[in-house]
Every structure is written in C-alpha cells, then in structure tokens.
Amino acid sequence: MNLLLHICCAPCTVYPHQQLTQAGVQIKGFFFNPNIHPLQEFKKRLLAVQQLQTITGLPVIYRDEYGLEEFVRQVVFREQQRCSFCYFWRLEMVAKTAKEQNCAAFSSTLLYSKYQKHELIKEIAEDIAQKEKIPFYYEDFRRGFSEGINLSRQMQLYRQPYCGCIYSEAERYK
C-alpha cells in the first residue's frame, strides 16, 4: 500500500514512519500546517522536517506557504472550535492530495501525539474519507510516544513546546 502521511512536525513523524515502513507501507510525507505561529516557529518546524527527510530518505510534498492569516480568519470568535477546524483543514488537504498522487490512503502524524484530540481527529478523517472517496488509514501511534521522543532526540530534531497555533502558544505559556 502507498500512503500519504500528513506531517504535523518532524518529532511526531519518527515513530509512525518507523512503524509503517516496518509494516511494508510505502509512505510519502505531506507537510501542510498553516496554523503555526509565529513565522519563526513555522520555519523551525519546516527545517526539522527537511532534516528528517535527509536522515530517513522519506519523500515529502511541501505546502510550505505561511497561512496564519487564513487560519485566524476562520477561527476568530470560534476559538473553542479551533482544533476541529484545524484538523479538518489539514486532513481534507491531505486526502485531496492523496487522490491527486494516486495514493491508496491517507493518514496523519497527529495520531501520534498524546496531546491531540485523538478521537476527534479520527472522526474528522473518517468523514473526509467518505466525502473524498479515499480510505483513511487509522493506527493509534500513541503507544510509541516515548520511543518516538527518544528517537527524535537522537536525531537532534527540533522539538516544539506547543501544538502550533497562536492560541495553543498562549495556553502553553500561561
């Protein structure tokens, strides 16, 4: 099977990449994260994904335009639903790109983090899969959270201190 894997960041990609590769899945990464704030943080995460690509040889499609303005326009006055919008936006883009790339399915490294809203991600991805008529590959990668952290540290990948958006940054440092 060939799979387009949405990459939220390099450290969250290490364990899923390892597990999927060992299972014989052909993976292509997809970096699309218009929610990340500030621009310097976005650039650090982008650079870390490029570093991971160099280390592992993982092919990656980059949608690396800085989309914070659109993200903020969509969530302002709806801050409590920002994660739903953010998951939907990124997962819909990976599903559409997977179809364009003739991939058998799509998935996301968001399923790795124990800090994300796992069931919401799964529900949104399954809805998108039906709408876009492309399978969503589900695997709970959280079981390898500690292992992934250790591996990403060994690779000296930049590890971000918050999810990415301006609101999560504020919550992290309050």
Protein backbone atom coordinates (compact mmCIF):
# COMPACT_ATOMS: atom_id res chain seq x y z
CA MET A 1 0.00 0.00 0.00
CA ASN A 2 1.15 3.53 -0.66
CA LEU A 3 0.10 6.12 1.88
CA LEU A 4 0.20 9.91 2.02
CA LEU A 5 1.05 10.78 5.61
CA HIS A 6 0.28 14.28 6.84
CA ILE A 7 3.28 15.52 8.83
CA CYS A 8 2.47 17.93 11.65
CA CYS A 9 6.14 18.08 12.71
CA ALA A 10 9.32 16.04 12.47
CA PRO A 11 9.35 14.54 16.00
CA CYS A 12 5.77 13.28 15.64
CA THR A 13 6.73 11.62 12.35
CA VAL A 14 9.61 9.48 13.60
CA TYR A 15 7.62 6.68 15.25
CA PRO A 16 4.77 6.42 12.69
CA HIS A 17 7.34 6.43 9.86
CA GLN A 18 9.27 3.63 11.55
CA GLN A 19 6.16 1.52 12.22
CA LEU A 20 4.62 1.96 8.79
CA THR A 21 7.90 1.26 7.00
CA GLN A 22 8.42 -1.91 9.03
CA ALA A 23 4.90 -2.99 8.05
CA GLY A 24 5.81 -2.61 4.37
CA VAL A 25 3.77 0.53 3.72
CA GLN A 26 5.21 2.89 1.12
CA ILE A 27 4.99 6.36 2.64
CA LYS A 28 5.13 9.80 1.17
CA GLY A 29 5.00 12.69 3.63
CA PHE A 30 2.85 15.78 3.26
CA PHE A 31 3.78 18.94 5.17
CA PHE A 32 0.83 21.33 5.41
CA ASN A 33 0.46 23.30 8.64
CA PRO A 34 -0.96 26.79 8.07
CA ASN A 35 -1.92 27.06 11.74
CA ILE A 36 1.61 27.51 13.11
CA HIS A 37 2.50 30.77 14.84
CA PRO A 38 4.81 32.71 14.75
CA LEU A 39 6.61 32.60 11.40
CA GLN A 40 9.93 31.73 13.11
CA GLU A 41 8.27 28.68 14.69
CA PHE A 42 6.88 27.66 11.31
CA LYS A 43 10.35 27.89 9.77
CA LYS A 44 11.91 25.82 12.59
CA ARG A 45 9.36 23.06 12.09
CA LEU A 46 9.78 23.12 8.32
CA LEU A 47 13.56 22.89 8.68
CA ALA A 48 13.18 19.95 11.10
CA VAL A 49 11.02 18.07 8.58
CA GLN A 50 13.65 18.69 5.91
CA GLN A 51 16.29 17.38 8.33
CA LEU A 52 14.19 14.25 8.97
CA GLN A 53 13.81 13.79 5.22
CA THR A 54 17.60 13.88 4.83
CA ILE A 55 18.10 11.38 7.66
CA THR A 56 15.41 8.89 6.62
CA GLY A 57 15.02 9.42 2.88
CA LEU A 58 11.28 9.91 3.34
CA PRO A 59 9.89 11.67 0.25
CA VAL A 60 7.89 14.75 1.27
CA ILE A 61 5.50 17.05 -0.54
CA TYR A 62 5.73 20.55 0.94
CA ARG A 63 2.87 23.01 1.08
CA ASP A 64 5.04 25.48 2.90
CA GLU A 65 3.20 28.74 2.43
CA TYR A 66 2.62 30.56 5.71
CA GLY A 67 -1.17 30.53 6.16
CA LEU A 68 -1.67 32.02 9.59
CA GLU A 69 -3.90 34.85 8.39
CA GLU A 70 -6.44 32.47 6.87
CA PHE A 71 -6.32 30.24 9.96
CA VAL A 72 -7.04 33.20 12.25
CA ARG A 73 -9.84 34.47 9.98
CA GLN A 74 -11.52 31.07 10.21
CA VAL A 75 -11.31 30.65 13.99
CA VAL A 76 -11.70 34.17 15.38
CA PHE A 77 -14.74 34.28 17.69
CA ARG A 78 -14.85 30.45 17.46
CA GLU A 79 -11.74 29.72 19.45
CA GLN A 80 -13.31 26.75 21.26
CA GLN A 81 -13.78 25.00 17.88
CA ARG A 82 -10.33 25.91 16.52
CA CYS A 83 -8.95 22.37 16.80
CA SER A 84 -11.88 20.95 14.82
CA PHE A 85 -11.32 23.50 12.07
CA CYS A 86 -7.55 22.98 12.09
CA TYR A 87 -7.83 19.17 11.90
CA PHE A 88 -10.44 19.40 9.16
CA TRP A 89 -8.45 21.86 7.06
CA ARG A 90 -5.24 19.84 7.17
CA LEU A 91 -6.85 16.40 6.83
CA GLU A 92 -9.03 17.48 3.93
CA MET A 93 -5.95 18.83 2.13
CA VAL A 94 -4.02 15.58 2.68
CA ALA A 95 -6.97 13.50 1.45
CA LYS A 96 -7.34 15.57 -1.73
CA THR A 97 -3.59 15.47 -2.33
CA ALA A 98 -3.53 11.70 -1.75
CA LYS A 99 -6.11 11.30 -4.51
CA GLU A 100 -4.09 13.54 -6.84
CA GLN A 101 -0.96 11.50 -6.07
CA ASN A 102 -2.78 8.20 -6.68
CA CYS A 103 -2.17 7.03 -3.13
CA ALA A 104 -4.21 4.17 -1.73
CA ALA A 105 -4.97 6.00 1.53
CA PHE A 106 -4.11 8.94 3.77
CA SER A 107 -3.25 9.34 7.43
CA SER A 108 -1.66 11.83 9.84
CA THR A 109 1.07 12.02 12.43
CA LEU A 110 -1.46 13.88 14.58
CA LEU A 111 -2.43 10.35 15.68
CA TYR A 112 0.93 10.04 17.43
CA SER A 113 0.67 12.83 19.99
CA LYS A 114 -0.96 12.16 23.32
CA TYR A 115 -1.68 15.90 23.47
CA GLN A 116 -4.00 15.95 20.45
CA LYS A 117 -7.73 15.21 20.46
CA HIS A 118 -7.33 11.71 19.10
CA GLU A 119 -10.98 10.67 18.74
CA LEU A 120 -11.85 13.98 17.08
CA ILE A 121 -9.02 13.53 14.56
CA LYS A 122 -10.22 10.02 13.77
CA GLU A 123 -13.85 11.11 13.40
CA ILE A 124 -12.99 14.03 11.11
CA ALA A 125 -10.64 11.92 8.99
CA GLU A 126 -13.25 9.18 8.57
CA ASP A 127 -15.84 11.76 7.46
CA ILE A 128 -13.39 13.25 4.96
CA ALA A 129 -12.51 9.77 3.67
CA GLN A 130 -16.17 9.13 2.85
CA LYS A 131 -16.63 12.54 1.26
CA GLU A 132 -13.42 12.36 -0.80
CA LYS A 133 -13.79 8.64 -1.54
CA ILE A 134 -10.31 7.69 -0.40
CA PRO A 135 -9.56 5.41 2.56
CA PHE A 136 -8.30 6.82 5.83
CA TYR A 137 -5.59 4.64 7.35
CA TYR A 138 -6.06 4.58 11.11
CA GLU A 139 -3.46 3.48 13.60
CA ASP A 140 -3.08 4.60 17.19
CA PHE A 141 0.57 5.60 17.24
CA ARG A 142 0.42 6.94 20.82
CA ARG A 143 1.74 3.63 22.13
CA GLY A 144 5.15 4.65 20.76
CA PHE A 145 5.14 8.16 22.17
CA SER A 146 8.16 7.72 24.47
CA GLU A 147 10.10 5.77 21.86
CA GLY A 148 9.43 8.47 19.26
CA ILE A 149 10.62 11.19 21.63
CA ASN A 150 13.84 9.30 22.31
CA LEU A 151 14.47 8.67 18.61
CA SER A 152 13.79 12.29 17.68
CA ARG A 153 16.24 13.43 20.35
CA GLN A 154 18.88 11.06 19.00
CA MET A 155 18.31 12.58 15.56
CA GLN A 156 18.62 16.06 17.14
CA LEU A 157 15.32 17.17 15.65
CA TYR A 158 13.80 20.44 16.83
CA ARG A 159 11.03 19.72 19.34
CA GLN A 160 8.41 22.42 19.64
CA PRO A 161 6.99 23.41 23.02
CA TYR A 162 3.31 23.75 21.94
CA CYS A 163 0.84 22.47 19.34
CA GLY A 164 1.33 25.32 16.91
CA CYS A 165 -1.40 27.93 16.78
CA ILE A 166 -1.41 31.30 18.48
CA TYR A 167 -4.00 30.05 20.98
CA SER A 168 -2.05 26.93 21.94
CA GLU A 169 1.06 29.06 22.38
CA ALA A 170 -0.84 31.32 24.80
CA GLU A 171 -2.22 28.32 26.71
CA ARG A 172 1.24 26.75 26.96
CA TYR A 173 2.87 29.82 28.48
CA LYS A 174 0.06 30.95 30.82
